[in-house]
Every structure is written in C-alpha cells, then in structure tokens.
C-alpha cells in the first residue's frame, strides 16, 4: 500500500523537434511539475500527494498532459498558471477542473 493518497503524473517526455505532434517537454511540463511540487509543499501536502515526472502518455498533441490517481482523471493543455487551480479544486477540494479534463 502506498503512503500517498494521490499520485499526479506529469508527462515530461521529449520528442524530436521534427515530430508533428510536438511534446510536453517543449510546452513547459517541467515547470508544471516543479510548481506542482512547490504548491503541495507550501500547503503541507507533500507527504500525502506525490507529483512525479512521467514518460510519454501518447497524447502529445494535447500536452502538457497530467493524470491524477487513484481517480484516473486526465488533464490536457495544462499551463503553470493552472497548477494552483488543480491543487485547490481537485487535489484539496475533490472537484476536478472540468475545463482542463481530457475527454
């Protein structure tokens, strides 16, 4: 059993520059992951919620992509500015951010 209540996986995959789908790494995914970790620490949630870098989820054109488990909620086109809303509404409040959800 994991010691964490939730895991957030953020795609930080890098593709070749000529790949038509692009990649999450060139769309600030590392900044998203760092900001997410910082927000969790700031709120004292670092021991309950884990923010991990992840490899490719194969939704490159929708990136940056992140997924929250155990709910299995997928977010797309996330920006660093969206992180506080995801933390406050979803990770703390339990209400997914509908405008960012991948359908």
PDB file of N, CA and C in Angstrom:
ATOM      1  N   UNK A   1       0.843  -1.175   0.000  1.00  0.00           N
ATOM      2  CA  UNK A   1       0.000   0.000   0.000  1.00  0.00           C
ATOM      3  C   UNK A   1       0.889   1.239   0.000  1.00  0.00           C
ATOM      4  N   UNK A   2       0.561   2.188  -0.830  1.00  0.00           N
ATOM      5  CA  UNK A   2       1.322   3.423  -0.937  1.00  0.00           C
ATOM      6  C   UNK A   2       1.077   4.310   0.276  1.00  0.00           C
ATOM      7  N   UNK A   3       2.094   5.059   0.640  1.00  0.00           N
ATOM      8  CA  UNK A   3       1.910   6.017   1.725  1.00  0.00           C
ATOM      9  C   UNK A   3       1.221   7.287   1.243  1.00  0.00           C
ATOM     10  N   UNK A   4       1.095   7.439  -0.072  1.00  0.00           N
ATOM     11  CA  UNK A   4       0.464   8.621  -0.651  1.00  0.00           C
ATOM     12  C   UNK A   4      -1.010   8.363  -0.938  1.00  0.00           C
ATOM     13  N   UNK A   5      -1.831   9.389  -0.710  1.00  0.00           N
ATOM     14  CA  UNK A   5      -3.253   9.291  -1.009  1.00  0.00           C
ATOM     15  C   UNK A   5      -3.525   9.476  -2.497  1.00  0.00           C
ATOM     16  N   UNK A   6      -2.694  10.312  -3.132  1.00  0.00           N
ATOM     17  CA  UNK A   6      -2.845  10.583  -4.565  1.00  0.00           C
ATOM     18  C   UNK A   6      -1.466  10.655  -5.200  1.00  0.00           C
ATOM     19  N   UNK A   7      -1.439  10.308  -6.475  1.00  0.00           N
ATOM     20  CA  UNK A   7      -0.251  10.484  -7.308  1.00  0.00           C
ATOM     21  C   UNK A   7      -0.647  11.314  -8.515  1.00  0.00           C
ATOM     22  N   UNK A   8       0.176  12.305  -8.827  1.00  0.00           N
ATOM     23  CA  UNK A   8      -0.030  13.108 -10.020  1.00  0.00           C
ATOM     24  C   UNK A   8       1.180  12.859 -10.916  1.00  0.00           C
ATOM     25  N   UNK A   9       0.914  12.367 -12.109  1.00  0.00           N
ATOM     26  CA  UNK A   9       1.985  12.096 -13.072  1.00  0.00           C
ATOM     27  C   UNK A   9       1.923  13.153 -14.170  1.00  0.00           C
ATOM     28  N   UNK A  10       3.052  13.809 -14.394  1.00  0.00           N
ATOM     29  CA  UNK A  10       3.150  14.875 -15.383  1.00  0.00           C
ATOM     30  C   UNK A  10       4.081  14.414 -16.487  1.00  0.00           C
ATOM     31  N   UNK A  11       3.581  14.384 -17.711  1.00  0.00           N
ATOM     32  CA  UNK A  11       4.426  13.976 -18.829  1.00  0.00           C
ATOM     33  C   UNK A  11       5.522  15.021 -19.041  1.00  0.00           C
ATOM     34  N   UNK A  12       6.768  14.568 -19.060  1.00  0.00           N
ATOM     35  CA  UNK A  12       7.909  15.441 -19.349  1.00  0.00           C
ATOM     36  C   UNK A  12       8.710  14.871 -20.520  1.00  0.00           C
ATOM     37  N   UNK A  13       8.048  14.066 -21.320  1.00  0.00           N
ATOM     38  CA  UNK A  13       8.710  13.408 -22.450  1.00  0.00           C
ATOM     39  C   UNK A  13       9.207  14.411 -23.493  1.00  0.00           C
ATOM     40  N   UNK A  14      10.371  14.100 -24.060  1.00  0.00           N
ATOM     41  CA  UNK A  14      10.954  14.921 -25.126  1.00  0.00           C
ATOM     42  C   UNK A  14      10.950  14.117 -26.419  1.00  0.00           C
ATOM     43  N   UNK A  15      10.447  14.719 -27.473  1.00  0.00           N
ATOM     44  CA  UNK A  15      10.450  14.114 -28.804  1.00  0.00           C
ATOM     45  C   UNK A  15      11.383  14.896 -29.706  1.00  0.00           C
ATOM     46  N   UNK A  16      11.662  14.321 -30.852  1.00  0.00           N
ATOM     47  CA  UNK A  16      12.469  15.016 -31.857  1.00  0.00           C
ATOM     48  C   UNK A  16      11.766  16.303 -32.264  1.00  0.00           C
ATOM     49  N   UNK A  17      12.520  17.320 -32.580  1.00  0.00           N
ATOM     50  CA  UNK A  17      11.934  18.621 -32.921  1.00  0.00           C
ATOM     51  C   UNK A  17      11.076  18.573 -34.179  1.00  0.00           C
ATOM     52  N   UNK A  18      11.289  17.586 -35.033  1.00  0.00           N
ATOM     53  CA  UNK A  18      10.504  17.494 -36.265  1.00  0.00           C
ATOM     54  C   UNK A  18       9.233  16.648 -36.102  1.00  0.00           C
ATOM     55  N   UNK A  19       8.947  16.162 -34.902  1.00  0.00           N
ATOM     56  CA  UNK A  19       7.738  15.372 -34.671  1.00  0.00           C
ATOM     57  C   UNK A  19       6.528  16.295 -34.761  1.00  0.00           C
ATOM     58  N   UNK A  20       5.578  15.958 -35.622  1.00  0.00           N
ATOM     59  CA  UNK A  20       4.400  16.801 -35.872  1.00  0.00           C
ATOM     60  C   UNK A  20       3.527  16.999 -34.641  1.00  0.00           C
ATOM     61  N   UNK A  21       3.525  16.013 -33.740  1.00  0.00           N
ATOM     62  CA  UNK A  21       2.658  16.100 -32.571  1.00  0.00           C
ATOM     63  C   UNK A  21       3.245  16.972 -31.463  1.00  0.00           C
ATOM     64  N   UNK A  22       4.512  17.312 -31.587  1.00  0.00           N
ATOM     65  CA  UNK A  22       5.159  18.079 -30.529  1.00  0.00           C
ATOM     66  C   UNK A  22       5.432  17.200 -29.327  1.00  0.00           C
ATOM     67  N   UNK A  23       5.751  17.831 -28.218  1.00  0.00           N
ATOM     68  CA  UNK A  23       5.985  17.064 -26.991  1.00  0.00           C
ATOM     69  C   UNK A  23       5.708  17.942 -25.782  1.00  0.00           C
ATOM     70  N   UNK A  24       5.438  17.290 -24.677  1.00  0.00           N
ATOM     71  CA  UNK A  24       5.108  18.016 -23.456  1.00  0.00           C
ATOM     72  C   UNK A  24       6.301  18.804 -22.920  1.00  0.00           C
ATOM     73  N   UNK A  25       7.502  18.289 -23.109  1.00  0.00           N
ATOM     74  CA  UNK A  25       8.690  18.961 -22.576  1.00  0.00           C
ATOM     75  C   UNK A  25       8.861  20.361 -23.147  1.00  0.00           C
ATOM     76  N   UNK A  26       8.508  20.555 -24.411  1.00  0.00           N
ATOM     77  CA  UNK A  26       8.658  21.882 -25.018  1.00  0.00           C
ATOM     78  C   UNK A  26       7.489  22.811 -24.692  1.00  0.00           C
ATOM     79  N   UNK A  27       6.530  22.290 -23.918  1.00  0.00           N
ATOM     80  CA  UNK A  27       5.349  23.074 -23.546  1.00  0.00           C
ATOM     81  C   UNK A  27       5.314  23.321 -22.037  1.00  0.00           C
ATOM     82  N   UNK A  28       6.486  23.444 -21.433  1.00  0.00           N
ATOM     83  CA  UNK A  28       6.635  23.798 -20.012  1.00  0.00           C
ATOM     84  C   UNK A  28       6.220  22.724 -19.017  1.00  0.00           C
ATOM     85  N   UNK A  29       6.266  21.459 -19.406  1.00  0.00           N
ATOM     86  CA  UNK A  29       5.833  20.417 -18.468  1.00  0.00           C
ATOM     87  C   UNK A  29       6.741  20.307 -17.246  1.00  0.00           C
ATOM     88  N   UNK A  30       8.035  20.560 -17.411  1.00  0.00           N
ATOM     89  CA  UNK A  30       8.928  20.505 -16.243  1.00  0.00           C
ATOM     90  C   UNK A  30       8.593  21.628 -15.273  1.00  0.00           C
ATOM     91  N   UNK A  31       8.256  22.806 -15.777  1.00  0.00           N
ATOM     92  CA  UNK A  31       7.858  23.918 -14.914  1.00  0.00           C
ATOM     93  C   UNK A  31       6.559  23.590 -14.178  1.00  0.00           C
ATOM     94  N   UNK A  32       5.657  22.886 -14.855  1.00  0.00           N
ATOM     95  CA  UNK A  32       4.401  22.471 -14.235  1.00  0.00           C
ATOM     96  C   UNK A  32       4.692  21.515 -13.087  1.00  0.00           C
ATOM     97  N   UNK A  33       5.546  20.548 -13.314  1.00  0.00           N
ATOM     98  CA  UNK A  33       5.883  19.579 -12.277  1.00  0.00           C
ATOM     99  C   UNK A  33       6.540  20.254 -11.074  1.00  0.00           C
ATOM    100  N   UNK A  34       7.465  21.154 -11.325  1.00  0.00           N
ATOM    101  CA  UNK A  34       8.136  21.860 -10.227  1.00  0.00           C
ATOM    102  C   UNK A  34       7.161  22.744  -9.451  1.00  0.00           C
ATOM    103  N   UNK A  35       6.281  23.435 -10.150  1.00  0.00           N
ATOM    104  CA  UNK A  35       5.301  24.290  -9.478  1.00  0.00           C
ATOM    105  C   UNK A  35       4.322  23.448  -8.671  1.00  0.00           C
ATOM    106  N   UNK A  36       3.924  22.312  -9.224  1.00  0.00           N
ATOM    107  CA  UNK A  36       3.012  21.420  -8.507  1.00  0.00           C
ATOM    108  C   UNK A  36       3.656  20.935  -7.214  1.00  0.00           C
ATOM    109  N   UNK A  37       4.905  20.506  -7.287  1.00  0.00           N
ATOM    110  CA  UNK A  37       5.614  20.065  -6.075  1.00  0.00           C
ATOM    111  C   UNK A  37       5.706  21.196  -5.063  1.00  0.00           C
ATOM    112  N   UNK A  38       5.995  22.385  -5.533  1.00  0.00           N
ATOM    113  CA  UNK A  38       6.107  23.543  -4.657  1.00  0.00           C
ATOM    114  C   UNK A  38       4.775  23.860  -3.977  1.00  0.00           C
ATOM    115  N   UNK A  39       3.696  23.841  -4.742  1.00  0.00           N
ATOM    116  CA  UNK A  39       2.367  24.109  -4.182  1.00  0.00           C
ATOM    117  C   UNK A  39       1.987  23.064  -3.133  1.00  0.00           C
ATOM    118  N   UNK A  40       2.309  21.815  -3.404  1.00  0.00           N
ATOM    119  CA  UNK A  40       1.997  20.753  -2.448  1.00  0.00           C
ATOM    120  C   UNK A  40       2.783  20.948  -1.159  1.00  0.00           C
ATOM    121  N   UNK A  41       4.055  21.279  -1.279  1.00  0.00           N
ATOM    122  CA  UNK A  41       4.887  21.521  -0.101  1.00  0.00           C
ATOM    123  C   UNK A  41       4.377  22.723   0.687  1.00  0.00           C
ATOM    124  N   UNK A  42       4.044  23.795  -0.025  1.00  0.00           N
ATOM    125  CA  UNK A  42       3.569  25.023   0.607  1.00  0.00           C
ATOM    126  C   UNK A  42       2.312  24.768   1.439  1.00  0.00           C
ATOM    127  N   UNK A  43       1.478  23.846   0.985  1.00  0.00           N
ATOM    128  CA  UNK A  43       0.216  23.548   1.667  1.00  0.00           C
ATOM    129  C   UNK A  43       0.337  22.382   2.648  1.00  0.00           C
ATOM    130  N   UNK A  44       1.557  21.869   2.824  1.00  0.00           N
ATOM    131  CA  UNK A  44       1.772  20.758   3.748  1.00  0.00           C
ATOM    132  C   UNK A  44       1.230  19.433   3.240  1.00  0.00           C
ATOM    133  N   UNK A  45       1.119  19.296   1.920  1.00  0.00           N
ATOM    134  CA  UNK A  45       0.555  18.080   1.321  1.00  0.00           C
ATOM    135  C   UNK A  45       1.604  17.149   0.736  1.00  0.00           C
ATOM    136  N   UNK A  46       2.871  17.500   0.880  1.00  0.00           N
ATOM    137  CA  UNK A  46       3.946  16.721   0.268  1.00  0.00           C
ATOM    138  C   UNK A  46       4.044  15.282   0.735  1.00  0.00           C
ATOM    139  N   UNK A  47       3.525  14.990   1.906  1.00  0.00           N
ATOM    140  CA  UNK A  47       3.558  13.613   2.404  1.00  0.00           C
ATOM    141  C   UNK A  47       2.290  12.837   2.062  1.00  0.00           C
ATOM    142  N   UNK A  48       1.290  13.531   1.505  1.00  0.00           N
ATOM    143  CA  UNK A  48       0.025  12.889   1.136  1.00  0.00           C
ATOM    144  C   UNK A  48      -0.152  12.740  -0.366  1.00  0.00           C
ATOM    145  N   UNK A  49       0.422  13.696  -1.119  1.00  0.00           N
ATOM    146  CA  UNK A  49       0.244  13.705  -2.572  1.00  0.00           C
ATOM    147  C   UNK A  49       1.614  13.779  -3.222  1.00  0.00           C
ATOM    148  N   UNK A  50       1.853  12.900  -4.169  1.00  0.00           N
ATOM    149  CA  UNK A  50       3.141  12.823  -4.859  1.00  0.00           C
ATOM    150  C   UNK A  50       2.991  13.344  -6.277  1.00  0.00           C
ATOM    151  N   UNK A  51       3.910  14.211  -6.698  1.00  0.00           N
ATOM    152  CA  UNK A  51       3.934  14.749  -8.063  1.00  0.00           C
ATOM    153  C   UNK A  51       5.161  14.194  -8.765  1.00  0.00           C
ATOM    154  N   UNK A  52       4.950  13.271  -9.698  1.00  0.00           N
ATOM    155  CA  UNK A  52       6.032  12.588 -10.394  1.00  0.00           C
ATOM    156  C   UNK A  52       6.139  12.995 -11.846  1.00  0.00           C
ATOM    157  N   UNK A  53       7.369  13.059 -12.338  1.00  0.00           N
ATOM    158  CA  UNK A  53       7.588  13.161 -13.775  1.00  0.00           C
ATOM    159  C   UNK A  53       7.212  11.817 -14.381  1.00  0.00           C
ATOM    160  N   UNK A  54       6.718  11.850 -15.596  1.00  0.00           N
ATOM    161  CA  UNK A  54       6.344  10.615 -16.279  1.00  0.00           C
ATOM    162  C   UNK A  54       6.833  10.668 -17.716  1.00  0.00           C
ATOM    163  N   UNK A  55       6.935   9.503 -18.304  1.00  0.00           N
ATOM    164  CA  UNK A  55       7.243   9.403 -19.716  1.00  0.00           C
ATOM    165  C   UNK A  55       5.986   9.677 -20.532  1.00  0.00           C
ATOM    166  N   UNK A  56       6.056   9.359 -21.788  1.00  0.00           N
ATOM    167  CA  UNK A  56       5.002   9.690 -22.737  1.00  0.00           C
ATOM    168  C   UNK A  56       3.688   8.960 -22.442  1.00  0.00           C
ATOM    169  N   UNK A  57       2.594   9.720 -22.467  1.00  0.00           N
ATOM    170  CA  UNK A  57       1.245   9.163 -22.360  1.00  0.00           C
ATOM    171  C   UNK A  57       0.625   8.965 -23.747  1.00  0.00           C
ATOM    172  N   UNK A  58       1.330   9.381 -24.786  1.00  0.00           N
ATOM    173  CA  UNK A  58       0.918   9.261 -26.180  1.00  0.00           C
ATOM    174  C   UNK A  58      -0.279  10.146 -26.539  1.00  0.00           C
ATOM    175  N   UNK A  59      -0.370  11.303 -25.881  1.00  0.00           N
ATOM    176  CA  UNK A  59      -1.336  12.331 -26.222  1.00  0.00           C
ATOM    177  C   UNK A  59      -0.587  13.640 -26.458  1.00  0.00           C
ATOM    178  N   UNK A  60       0.503  13.553 -27.185  1.00  0.00           N
ATOM    179  CA  UNK A  60       1.442  14.663 -27.358  1.00  0.00           C
ATOM    180  C   UNK A  60       0.780  15.940 -27.861  1.00  0.00           C
ATOM    181  N   UNK A  61      -0.149  15.793 -28.789  1.00  0.00           N
ATOM    182  CA  UNK A  61      -0.809  16.964 -29.358  1.00  0.00           C
ATOM    183  C   UNK A  61      -1.699  17.683 -28.343  1.00  0.00           C
ATOM    184  N   UNK A  62      -2.017  17.016 -27.233  1.00  0.00           N
ATOM    185  CA  UNK A  62      -2.850  17.599 -26.179  1.00  0.00           C
ATOM    186  C   UNK A  62      -2.034  18.090 -24.986  1.00  0.00           C
ATOM    187  N   UNK A  63      -0.727  18.036 -25.106  1.00  0.00           N
ATOM    188  CA  UNK A  63       0.141  18.332 -23.984  1.00  0.00           C
ATOM    189  C   UNK A  63       0.232  19.793 -23.625  1.00  0.00           C
ATOM    190  N   UNK A  64       0.756  20.013 -22.457  1.00  0.00           N
ATOM    191  CA  UNK A  64       1.176  19.059 -21.444  1.00  0.00           C
ATOM    192  C   UNK A  64      -0.011  18.312 -20.837  1.00  0.00           C
ATOM    193  N   UNK A  65       0.229  17.035 -20.598  1.00  0.00           N
ATOM    194  CA  UNK A  65      -0.777  16.138 -20.056  1.00  0.00           C
ATOM    195  C   UNK A  65      -0.348  15.729 -18.648  1.00  0.00           C
ATOM    196  N   UNK A  66      -1.322  15.677 -17.744  1.00  0.00           N
ATOM    197  CA  UNK A  66      -1.062  15.090 -16.436  1.00  0.00           C
ATOM    198  C   UNK A  66      -2.258  14.253 -16.040  1.00  0.00           C
ATOM    199  N   UNK A  67      -2.008  13.264 -15.187  1.00  0.00           N
ATOM    200  CA  UNK A  67      -3.068  12.368 -14.739  1.00  0.00           C
ATOM    201  C   UNK A  67      -2.989  12.233 -13.223  1.00  0.00           C
ATOM    202  N   UNK A  68      -4.163  12.217 -12.594  1.00  0.00           N
ATOM    203  CA  UNK A  68      -4.265  12.107 -11.143  1.00  0.00           C
ATOM    204  C   UNK A  68      -4.843  10.739 -10.797  1.00  0.00           C
ATOM    205  N   UNK A  69      -4.102  10.001  -9.974  1.00  0.00           N
ATOM    206  CA  UNK A  69      -4.576   8.704  -9.472  1.00  0.00           C
ATOM    207  C   UNK A  69      -4.732   8.794  -7.970  1.00  0.00           C
ATOM    208  N   UNK A  70      -5.722   8.111  -7.385  1.00  0.00           N
ATOM    209  CA  UNK A  70      -6.392   6.934  -7.915  1.00  0.00           C
ATOM    210  C   UNK A  70      -7.618   7.218  -8.772  1.00  0.00           C
ATOM    211  N   UNK A  71      -8.031   8.498  -8.918  1.00  0.00           N
ATOM    212  CA  UNK A  71      -9.254   8.786  -9.666  1.00  0.00           C
ATOM    213  C   UNK A  71      -9.149   8.490 -11.153  1.00  0.00           C
ATOM    214  N   UNK A  72      -7.949   8.590 -11.709  1.00  0.00           N
ATOM    215  CA  UNK A  72      -7.786   8.389 -13.143  1.00  0.00           C
ATOM    216  C   UNK A  72      -8.289   9.579 -13.946  1.00  0.00           C
ATOM    217  N   UNK A  73      -8.161  10.777 -13.392  1.00  0.00           N
ATOM    218  CA  UNK A  73      -8.570  11.996 -14.091  1.00  0.00           C
ATOM    219  C   UNK A  73      -7.385  12.505 -14.910  1.00  0.00           C
ATOM    220  N   UNK A  74      -7.623  12.688 -16.203  1.00  0.00           N
ATOM    221  CA  UNK A  74      -6.588  13.169 -17.127  1.00  0.00           C
ATOM    222  C   UNK A  74      -6.843  14.626 -17.469  1.00  0.00           C
ATOM    223  N   UNK A  75      -5.764  15.412 -17.434  1.00  0.00           N
ATOM    224  CA  UNK A  75      -5.830  16.823 -17.806  1.00  0.00           C
ATOM    225  C   UNK A  75      -4.968  17.066 -19.034  1.00  0.00           C
ATOM    226  N   UNK A  76      -5.401  18.014 -19.856  1.00  0.00           N
ATOM    227  CA  UNK A  76      -4.682  18.336 -21.089  1.00  0.00           C
ATOM    228  C   UNK A  76      -4.425  19.835 -21.197  1.00  0.00           C
ATOM    229  N   UNK A  77      -3.420  20.171 -21.977  1.00  0.00           N
ATOM    230  CA  UNK A  77      -3.064  21.569 -22.263  1.00  0.00           C
ATOM    231  C   UNK A  77      -2.925  22.393 -20.982  1.00  0.00           C
ATOM    232  N   UNK A  78      -2.331  21.765 -19.990  1.00  0.00           N
ATOM    233  CA  UNK A  78      -2.113  22.404 -18.699  1.00  0.00           C
ATOM    234  C   UNK A  78      -0.963  23.405 -18.824  1.00  0.00           C
ATOM    235  N   UNK A  79      -1.107  24.530 -18.142  1.00  0.00           N
ATOM    236  CA  UNK A  79      -0.039  25.526 -18.079  1.00  0.00           C
ATOM    237  C   UNK A  79       0.375  25.692 -16.617  1.00  0.00           C
ATOM    238  N   UNK A  80       1.526  26.293 -16.379  1.00  0.00           N
ATOM    239  CA  UNK A  80       1.910  26.558 -14.990  1.00  0.00           C
ATOM    240  C   UNK A  80       0.854  27.392 -14.249  1.00  0.00           C
ATOM    241  N   UNK A  81       0.149  28.259 -14.957  1.00  0.00           N
ATOM    242  CA  UNK A  81      -0.896  29.072 -14.329  1.00  0.00           C
ATOM    243  C   UNK A  81      -2.090  28.247 -13.864  1.00  0.00           C
ATOM    244  N   UNK A  82      -2.253  27.036 -14.373  1.00  0.00           N
ATOM    245  CA  UNK A  82      -3.371  26.164 -13.995  1.00  0.00           C
ATOM    246  C   UNK A  82      -3.094  25.356 -12.725  1.00  0.00           C
ATOM    247  N   UNK A  83      -1.858  25.310 -12.305  1.00  0.00           N
ATOM    248  CA  UNK A  83      -1.461  24.420 -11.207  1.00  0.00           C
ATOM    249  C   UNK A  83      -2.198  24.733  -9.909  1.00  0.00           C
ATOM    250  N   UNK A  84      -2.263  25.982  -9.506  1.00  0.00           N
ATOM    251  CA  UNK A  84      -2.926  26.315  -8.247  1.00  0.00           C
ATOM    252  C   UNK A  84      -4.399  25.907  -8.267  1.00  0.00           C
ATOM    253  N   UNK A  85      -5.061  26.081  -9.417  1.00  0.00           N
ATOM    254  CA  UNK A  85      -6.467  25.695  -9.533  1.00  0.00           C
ATOM    255  C   UNK A  85      -6.625  24.180  -9.413  1.00  0.00           C
ATOM    256  N   UNK A  86      -5.742  23.425 -10.033  1.00  0.00           N
ATOM    257  CA  UNK A  86      -5.797  21.961  -9.932  1.00  0.00           C
ATOM    258  C   UNK A  86      -5.568  21.523  -8.491  1.00  0.00           C
ATOM    259  N   UNK A  87      -4.592  22.123  -7.829  1.00  0.00           N
ATOM    260  CA  UNK A  87      -4.314  21.768  -6.434  1.00  0.00           C
ATOM    261  C   UNK A  87      -5.514  22.108  -5.556  1.00  0.00           C
ATOM    262  N   UNK A  88      -5.980  23.344  -5.635  1.00  0.00           N
ATOM    263  CA  UNK A  88      -7.062  23.793  -4.754  1.00  0.00           C
ATOM    264  C   UNK A  88      -8.375  23.054  -5.023  1.00  0.00           C
ATOM    265  N   UNK A  89      -8.790  23.023  -6.286  1.00  0.00           N
ATOM    266  CA  UNK A  89     -10.094  22.434  -6.605  1.00  0.00           C
ATOM    267  C   UNK A  89     -10.087  20.912  -6.567  1.00  0.00           C
ATOM    268  N   UNK A  90      -9.118  20.288  -7.208  1.00  0.00           N
ATOM    269  CA  UNK A  90      -9.133  18.828  -7.331  1.00  0.00           C
ATOM    270  C   UNK A  90      -8.418  18.131  -6.177  1.00  0.00           C
ATOM    271  N   UNK A  91      -7.153  18.466  -5.986  1.00  0.00           N
ATOM    272  CA  UNK A  91      -6.367  17.712  -5.005  1.00  0.00           C
ATOM    273  C   UNK A  91      -6.797  17.993  -3.574  1.00  0.00           C
ATOM    274  N   UNK A  92      -7.197  19.217  -3.275  1.00  0.00           N
ATOM    275  CA  UNK A  92      -7.671  19.557  -1.930  1.00  0.00           C
ATOM    276  C   UNK A  92      -9.189  19.400  -1.841  1.00  0.00           C
ATOM    277  N   UNK A  93      -9.905  19.973  -2.805  1.00  0.00           N
ATOM    278  CA  UNK A  93     -11.369  20.008  -2.736  1.00  0.00           C
ATOM    279  C   UNK A  93     -12.098  18.810  -3.306  1.00  0.00           C
ATOM    280  N   UNK A  94     -11.394  17.980  -4.079  1.00  0.00           N
ATOM    281  CA  UNK A  94     -12.021  16.790  -4.647  1.00  0.00           C
ATOM    282  C   UNK A  94     -12.871  17.035  -5.878  1.00  0.00           C
ATOM    283  N   UNK A  95     -12.804  18.251  -6.437  1.00  0.00           N
ATOM    284  CA  UNK A  95     -13.614  18.579  -7.613  1.00  0.00           C
ATOM    285  C   UNK A  95     -12.685  18.796  -8.804  1.00  0.00           C
ATOM    286  N   UNK A  96     -12.709  17.892  -9.786  1.00  0.00           N
ATOM    287  CA  UNK A  96     -11.840  18.046 -10.957  1.00  0.00           C
ATOM    288  C   UNK A  96     -12.094  19.364 -11.698  1.00  0.00           C
ATOM    289  N   UNK A  97     -11.063  19.857 -12.344  1.00  0.00           N
ATOM    290  CA  UNK A  97     -11.138  21.093 -13.119  1.00  0.00           C
ATOM    291  C   UNK A  97     -11.659  20.723 -14.509  1.00  0.00           C
ATOM    292  N   UNK A  98     -12.946  20.916 -14.714  1.00  0.00           N
ATOM    293  CA  UNK A  98     -13.626  20.458 -15.933  1.00  0.00           C
ATOM    294  C   UNK A  98     -13.020  21.025 -17.215  1.00  0.00           C
ATOM    295  N   UNK A  99     -12.649  22.291 -17.207  1.00  0.00           N
ATOM    296  CA  UNK A  99     -12.160  22.930 -18.438  1.00  0.00           C
ATOM    297  C   UNK A  99     -10.844  22.332 -18.936  1.00  0.00           C
ATOM    298  N   UNK A 100     -10.137  21.623 -18.076  1.00  0.00           N
ATOM    299  CA  UNK A 100      -8.858  21.014 -18.458  1.00  0.00           C
ATOM    300  C   UNK A 100      -8.934  19.496 -18.656  1.00  0.00           C
ATOM    301  N   UNK A 101     -10.070  18.913 -18.301  1.00  0.00           N
ATOM    302  CA  UNK A 101     -10.195  17.459 -18.391  1.00  0.00           C
ATOM    303  C   UNK A 101     -10.127  16.977 -19.831  1.00  0.00           C
ATOM    304  N   UNK A 102      -9.438  15.878 -20.009  1.00  0.00           N
ATOM    305  CA  UNK A 102      -9.370  15.226 -21.314  1.00  0.00           C
ATOM    306  C   UNK A 102     -10.566  14.304 -21.434  1.00  0.00           C
ATOM    307  N   UNK A 103     -11.270  14.426 -22.551  1.00  0.00           N
ATOM    308  CA  UNK A 103     -12.464  13.592 -22.769  1.00  0.00           C
ATOM    309  C   UNK A 103     -12.134  12.373 -23.586  1.00  0.00           C
TER     310      UNK A 103
END
